[in-house]
N, C-alpha and C. Protein backbone atom coordinates (compact mmCIF):
# COMPACT_ATOMS: atom_id res chain seq x y z
N MET A 1 56.30 -62.81 8.53
CA MET A 1 55.54 -63.65 7.63
C MET A 1 55.88 -63.24 6.21
N ASN A 2 56.09 -64.21 5.34
CA ASN A 2 56.48 -63.82 3.99
C ASN A 2 55.26 -63.44 3.15
N ARG A 3 55.52 -62.64 2.14
CA ARG A 3 54.44 -62.13 1.30
C ARG A 3 53.75 -63.22 0.50
N ASN A 4 54.49 -64.24 0.09
CA ASN A 4 53.88 -65.33 -0.69
C ASN A 4 52.79 -66.04 0.11
N LEU A 5 53.04 -66.24 1.41
CA LEU A 5 52.05 -66.89 2.27
C LEU A 5 50.79 -66.05 2.36
N LEU A 6 50.94 -64.75 2.61
CA LEU A 6 49.77 -63.88 2.71
C LEU A 6 49.05 -63.75 1.37
N PHE A 7 49.81 -63.67 0.28
CA PHE A 7 49.20 -63.59 -1.04
C PHE A 7 48.40 -64.85 -1.34
N THR A 8 48.97 -66.03 -1.03
CA THR A 8 48.26 -67.29 -1.25
C THR A 8 46.99 -67.35 -0.41
N ALA A 9 47.09 -66.92 0.85
CA ALA A 9 45.91 -66.91 1.72
C ALA A 9 44.85 -65.97 1.17
N PHE A 10 45.26 -64.81 0.67
CA PHE A 10 44.31 -63.85 0.10
C PHE A 10 43.61 -64.43 -1.13
N ILE A 11 44.37 -65.04 -2.02
CA ILE A 11 43.79 -65.62 -3.23
C ILE A 11 42.80 -66.72 -2.87
N LEU A 12 43.16 -67.56 -1.91
CA LEU A 12 42.24 -68.63 -1.49
C LEU A 12 40.97 -68.05 -0.88
N ALA A 13 41.12 -67.01 -0.07
CA ALA A 13 39.94 -66.39 0.53
C ALA A 13 39.03 -65.80 -0.54
N CYS A 14 39.60 -65.19 -1.55
CA CYS A 14 38.79 -64.63 -2.64
C CYS A 14 38.07 -65.73 -3.40
N SER A 15 38.73 -66.84 -3.65
CA SER A 15 38.07 -67.93 -4.36
C SER A 15 36.95 -68.53 -3.53
N PHE A 16 37.14 -68.57 -2.20
CA PHE A 16 36.07 -69.07 -1.35
C PHE A 16 34.91 -68.09 -1.29
N ALA A 17 35.22 -66.80 -1.36
CA ALA A 17 34.16 -65.80 -1.36
C ALA A 17 33.27 -66.02 -2.58
N ALA A 18 33.88 -66.29 -3.72
CA ALA A 18 33.10 -66.56 -4.93
C ALA A 18 32.29 -67.83 -4.75
N SER A 19 32.87 -68.85 -4.13
CA SER A 19 32.14 -70.09 -3.89
C SER A 19 30.96 -69.86 -2.95
N ALA A 20 31.18 -69.04 -1.92
CA ALA A 20 30.11 -68.77 -0.96
C ALA A 20 28.95 -68.05 -1.62
N GLN A 21 29.26 -67.15 -2.53
CA GLN A 21 28.20 -66.43 -3.21
C GLN A 21 27.44 -67.33 -4.17
N ASN A 22 28.03 -68.45 -4.55
CA ASN A 22 27.38 -69.40 -5.45
C ASN A 22 26.71 -70.55 -4.70
N GLY A 23 26.52 -70.41 -3.39
CA GLY A 23 25.77 -71.40 -2.64
C GLY A 23 26.62 -72.45 -1.95
N PHE A 24 27.90 -72.20 -1.70
CA PHE A 24 28.75 -73.15 -0.99
C PHE A 24 28.21 -73.33 0.42
N GLU A 25 27.90 -74.53 0.79
CA GLU A 25 27.38 -74.82 2.12
C GLU A 25 28.10 -76.02 2.71
N GLN A 26 28.18 -76.10 4.01
CA GLN A 26 28.77 -77.23 4.71
C GLN A 26 27.99 -77.44 5.99
N ALA A 27 27.52 -78.66 6.22
CA ALA A 27 26.69 -78.94 7.37
C ALA A 27 27.49 -79.37 8.58
N SER A 28 28.71 -79.81 8.42
CA SER A 28 29.52 -80.33 9.51
C SER A 28 30.00 -79.22 10.43
N ASN A 29 30.23 -79.56 11.69
CA ASN A 29 30.81 -78.61 12.63
C ASN A 29 32.30 -78.43 12.39
N ILE A 30 32.95 -79.40 11.80
CA ILE A 30 34.36 -79.30 11.46
C ILE A 30 34.45 -79.30 9.95
N ILE A 31 35.00 -78.23 9.40
CA ILE A 31 34.99 -78.03 7.97
C ILE A 31 36.41 -78.12 7.45
N SER A 32 36.60 -78.85 6.38
CA SER A 32 37.92 -78.88 5.76
C SER A 32 37.79 -79.22 4.29
N VAL A 33 38.81 -78.86 3.56
CA VAL A 33 38.92 -79.25 2.17
C VAL A 33 40.18 -80.10 2.09
N ASP A 34 40.07 -81.28 1.49
CA ASP A 34 41.20 -82.19 1.44
C ASP A 34 42.34 -81.61 0.64
N SER A 35 43.54 -81.89 1.09
CA SER A 35 44.74 -81.54 0.35
C SER A 35 45.53 -82.82 0.13
N PRO A 36 46.38 -82.88 -0.87
CA PRO A 36 47.15 -84.10 -1.10
C PRO A 36 47.98 -84.51 0.10
N ALA A 37 48.52 -83.55 0.83
CA ALA A 37 49.39 -83.87 1.96
C ALA A 37 48.63 -84.46 3.14
N ARG A 38 47.37 -84.07 3.33
CA ARG A 38 46.61 -84.52 4.48
C ARG A 38 45.19 -84.91 4.06
N ALA A 39 45.07 -85.81 3.15
CA ALA A 39 43.76 -86.21 2.64
C ALA A 39 42.91 -86.77 3.77
N ASN A 40 41.68 -86.27 3.88
CA ASN A 40 40.69 -86.72 4.85
C ASN A 40 41.11 -86.53 6.31
N LYS A 41 41.97 -85.59 6.61
CA LYS A 41 42.38 -85.32 7.98
C LYS A 41 42.15 -83.86 8.29
N ASN A 42 41.48 -83.58 9.39
CA ASN A 42 41.29 -82.21 9.84
C ASN A 42 42.43 -81.87 10.78
N VAL A 43 43.10 -80.76 10.56
CA VAL A 43 44.20 -80.37 11.42
C VAL A 43 43.77 -79.34 12.46
N VAL A 44 42.58 -78.76 12.28
CA VAL A 44 42.01 -77.88 13.30
C VAL A 44 40.56 -78.26 13.53
N LYS A 45 40.12 -78.03 14.75
CA LYS A 45 38.70 -78.17 15.08
C LYS A 45 38.19 -76.78 15.40
N ILE A 46 37.06 -76.45 14.79
CA ILE A 46 36.43 -75.15 15.02
C ILE A 46 35.03 -75.45 15.54
N TYR A 47 34.75 -74.99 16.75
CA TYR A 47 33.45 -75.29 17.33
C TYR A 47 33.03 -74.17 18.26
N PRO A 48 31.77 -73.93 18.43
CA PRO A 48 30.72 -74.47 17.56
C PRO A 48 30.72 -73.73 16.23
N ASN A 49 30.30 -74.41 15.22
CA ASN A 49 30.20 -73.81 13.89
C ASN A 49 28.96 -74.37 13.22
N PRO A 50 27.90 -73.60 13.05
CA PRO A 50 27.80 -72.15 13.25
C PRO A 50 27.84 -71.77 14.73
N SER A 51 28.19 -70.49 14.95
CA SER A 51 28.37 -69.97 16.29
C SER A 51 27.53 -68.72 16.47
N TYR A 52 27.38 -68.32 17.72
CA TYR A 52 26.69 -67.07 18.03
C TYR A 52 27.67 -66.01 18.49
N GLY A 53 28.93 -66.11 18.07
CA GLY A 53 29.88 -65.04 18.33
C GLY A 53 31.17 -65.47 18.97
N LYS A 54 31.24 -66.65 19.60
CA LYS A 54 32.47 -67.09 20.26
C LYS A 54 32.85 -68.47 19.74
N LEU A 55 34.03 -68.57 19.14
CA LEU A 55 34.52 -69.82 18.56
C LEU A 55 35.73 -70.31 19.33
N SER A 56 35.91 -71.61 19.36
CA SER A 56 37.12 -72.22 19.87
C SER A 56 37.82 -72.88 18.69
N VAL A 57 39.10 -72.59 18.53
CA VAL A 57 39.91 -73.16 17.46
C VAL A 57 41.02 -73.97 18.11
N SER A 58 41.10 -75.24 17.77
CA SER A 58 42.10 -76.13 18.37
C SER A 58 42.88 -76.83 17.29
N ALA A 59 44.18 -76.93 17.49
CA ALA A 59 45.02 -77.73 16.60
C ALA A 59 44.95 -79.18 17.08
N VAL A 60 44.82 -80.11 16.16
CA VAL A 60 44.79 -81.52 16.52
C VAL A 60 46.13 -82.19 16.21
N THR A 61 47.12 -81.39 15.92
CA THR A 61 48.46 -81.87 15.63
C THR A 61 49.46 -81.07 16.46
N SER A 62 50.62 -81.61 16.68
CA SER A 62 51.63 -80.89 17.44
C SER A 62 52.49 -79.99 16.55
N SER A 63 52.21 -79.98 15.26
CA SER A 63 52.93 -79.11 14.33
C SER A 63 52.56 -77.65 14.56
N THR A 64 53.42 -76.75 14.12
CA THR A 64 53.10 -75.32 14.18
C THR A 64 52.22 -74.98 12.99
N LEU A 65 51.03 -74.43 13.28
CA LEU A 65 50.06 -74.08 12.25
C LEU A 65 49.81 -72.58 12.27
N HIS A 66 49.64 -72.01 11.10
CA HIS A 66 49.24 -70.61 10.97
C HIS A 66 47.78 -70.61 10.54
N PHE A 67 46.92 -70.00 11.36
CA PHE A 67 45.48 -70.02 11.17
C PHE A 67 45.02 -68.61 10.84
N TYR A 68 44.25 -68.47 9.75
CA TYR A 68 43.76 -67.16 9.29
C TYR A 68 42.26 -67.22 9.07
N ILE A 69 41.57 -66.13 9.43
CA ILE A 69 40.15 -65.97 9.12
C ILE A 69 40.01 -64.72 8.27
N PHE A 70 39.26 -64.85 7.16
CA PHE A 70 39.01 -63.75 6.22
C PHE A 70 37.51 -63.52 6.12
N ASP A 71 37.11 -62.25 5.92
CA ASP A 71 35.71 -62.00 5.58
C ASP A 71 35.54 -62.35 4.10
N LEU A 72 34.32 -62.28 3.60
CA LEU A 72 34.07 -62.70 2.23
C LEU A 72 34.59 -61.73 1.18
N GLU A 73 35.08 -60.58 1.62
CA GLU A 73 35.73 -59.65 0.71
C GLU A 73 37.23 -59.90 0.63
N GLY A 74 37.73 -60.86 1.41
CA GLY A 74 39.14 -61.20 1.40
C GLY A 74 39.98 -60.45 2.41
N THR A 75 39.35 -59.71 3.32
CA THR A 75 40.08 -58.96 4.34
C THR A 75 40.42 -59.88 5.51
N LEU A 76 41.68 -59.89 5.91
CA LEU A 76 42.11 -60.68 7.05
C LEU A 76 41.53 -60.08 8.32
N VAL A 77 40.76 -60.88 9.09
CA VAL A 77 40.12 -60.37 10.30
C VAL A 77 40.68 -61.02 11.57
N TYR A 78 41.41 -62.13 11.43
CA TYR A 78 42.00 -62.80 12.60
C TYR A 78 43.14 -63.68 12.13
N GLN A 79 44.19 -63.72 12.92
CA GLN A 79 45.29 -64.63 12.64
C GLN A 79 45.88 -65.13 13.95
N ALA A 80 46.36 -66.36 13.93
CA ALA A 80 46.96 -66.94 15.12
C ALA A 80 47.94 -68.02 14.70
N VAL A 81 48.90 -68.26 15.57
CA VAL A 81 49.81 -69.38 15.40
C VAL A 81 49.43 -70.40 16.46
N LEU A 82 49.13 -71.61 16.02
CA LEU A 82 48.74 -72.70 16.92
C LEU A 82 49.90 -73.70 17.00
N THR A 83 50.38 -73.94 18.20
CA THR A 83 51.47 -74.89 18.38
C THR A 83 51.11 -75.92 19.42
N ASN A 84 51.59 -77.11 19.22
CA ASN A 84 51.46 -78.19 20.20
C ASN A 84 50.04 -78.38 20.70
N LYS A 85 49.11 -78.57 19.78
CA LYS A 85 47.70 -78.82 20.09
C LYS A 85 47.06 -77.70 20.91
N GLU A 86 47.50 -76.48 20.63
CA GLU A 86 47.02 -75.30 21.34
C GLU A 86 45.58 -74.95 20.95
N ARG A 87 44.87 -74.29 21.87
CA ARG A 87 43.48 -73.86 21.65
C ARG A 87 43.42 -72.35 21.80
N LYS A 88 42.71 -71.70 20.88
CA LYS A 88 42.49 -70.25 20.93
C LYS A 88 40.99 -69.98 20.90
N VAL A 89 40.58 -68.90 21.54
CA VAL A 89 39.19 -68.47 21.51
C VAL A 89 39.10 -67.21 20.66
N VAL A 90 38.16 -67.22 19.71
CA VAL A 90 37.93 -66.07 18.84
C VAL A 90 36.56 -65.54 19.20
N ASP A 91 36.51 -64.30 19.70
CA ASP A 91 35.21 -63.77 20.13
C ASP A 91 34.92 -62.38 19.58
N ASN A 92 35.66 -61.95 18.56
CA ASN A 92 35.46 -60.61 18.04
C ASN A 92 34.88 -60.59 16.63
N LEU A 93 34.29 -61.70 16.19
CA LEU A 93 33.72 -61.76 14.85
C LEU A 93 32.27 -61.29 14.87
N LYS A 94 31.93 -60.46 13.90
CA LYS A 94 30.55 -59.99 13.77
C LYS A 94 29.73 -61.01 12.99
N ARG A 95 28.44 -60.86 13.04
CA ARG A 95 27.52 -61.75 12.33
C ARG A 95 27.85 -61.80 10.84
N GLY A 96 27.90 -63.02 10.29
CA GLY A 96 28.20 -63.17 8.87
C GLY A 96 28.93 -64.46 8.58
N SER A 97 29.41 -64.57 7.36
CA SER A 97 30.16 -65.74 6.92
C SER A 97 31.62 -65.36 6.73
N TYR A 98 32.49 -66.28 7.07
CA TYR A 98 33.92 -66.08 6.98
C TYR A 98 34.57 -67.32 6.37
N MET A 99 35.76 -67.15 5.86
CA MET A 99 36.54 -68.27 5.34
C MET A 99 37.78 -68.38 6.21
N TYR A 100 38.22 -69.62 6.45
CA TYR A 100 39.47 -69.79 7.18
C TYR A 100 40.44 -70.60 6.34
N ASN A 101 41.71 -70.43 6.67
CA ASN A 101 42.76 -71.15 5.97
C ASN A 101 43.84 -71.51 6.99
N VAL A 102 44.37 -72.72 6.88
CA VAL A 102 45.41 -73.20 7.78
C VAL A 102 46.64 -73.53 6.95
N PHE A 103 47.79 -73.01 7.39
CA PHE A 103 49.05 -73.26 6.71
C PHE A 103 50.01 -73.99 7.64
N GLU A 104 50.77 -74.89 7.04
CA GLU A 104 51.87 -75.55 7.73
C GLU A 104 53.08 -75.49 6.79
N ASN A 105 54.18 -74.94 7.27
CA ASN A 105 55.40 -74.80 6.44
C ASN A 105 55.10 -74.08 5.13
N ASP A 106 54.38 -72.98 5.18
CA ASP A 106 54.03 -72.15 4.01
C ASP A 106 53.19 -72.89 2.97
N GLU A 107 52.52 -73.96 3.37
CA GLU A 107 51.65 -74.71 2.46
C GLU A 107 50.23 -74.74 3.05
N SER A 108 49.26 -74.39 2.23
CA SER A 108 47.87 -74.45 2.66
C SER A 108 47.46 -75.91 2.81
N ILE A 109 47.00 -76.29 4.03
CA ILE A 109 46.65 -77.68 4.27
C ILE A 109 45.18 -77.87 4.63
N GLU A 110 44.49 -76.79 4.94
CA GLU A 110 43.06 -76.90 5.26
C GLU A 110 42.40 -75.55 5.07
N GLU A 111 41.15 -75.57 4.63
CA GLU A 111 40.38 -74.35 4.45
C GLU A 111 38.91 -74.69 4.61
N GLY A 112 38.13 -73.66 4.93
CA GLY A 112 36.70 -73.91 5.11
C GLY A 112 35.94 -72.65 5.42
N LYS A 113 34.71 -72.81 5.85
CA LYS A 113 33.79 -71.71 6.07
C LYS A 113 33.38 -71.68 7.54
N ILE A 114 33.26 -70.48 8.08
CA ILE A 114 32.77 -70.26 9.44
C ILE A 114 31.54 -69.37 9.36
N ILE A 115 30.51 -69.71 10.12
CA ILE A 115 29.28 -68.92 10.13
C ILE A 115 29.04 -68.39 11.52
N ILE A 116 28.84 -67.07 11.64
CA ILE A 116 28.48 -66.43 12.90
C ILE A 116 27.05 -65.94 12.77
N LYS A 117 26.19 -66.44 13.62
CA LYS A 117 24.76 -66.07 13.56
C LYS A 117 24.47 -64.86 14.41
């Protein structure tokens, strides 16, 4: 993985951490922030969100996606490569709020918040 991708993911996680501390909330079970390349399209489904410790992450596209979860301090706590509409289960997250980021071809295409109760 190249350093620019990780650096971009880290910077985005830090900016989301600041947003979360300022009251950033999302009521939907599927969270995304629009990007010019994929306006109004979610490329991953995260459910249930909020969760009680076990999440399912699914790609809704056949493209290769790099999925990252960060704590609010910007520390990478989970990473996965999702290919061909693949589904992964994340069950090692502790109670709290997290930020996620999805990359395709070294470009951030989706980001959002995950809550573990």
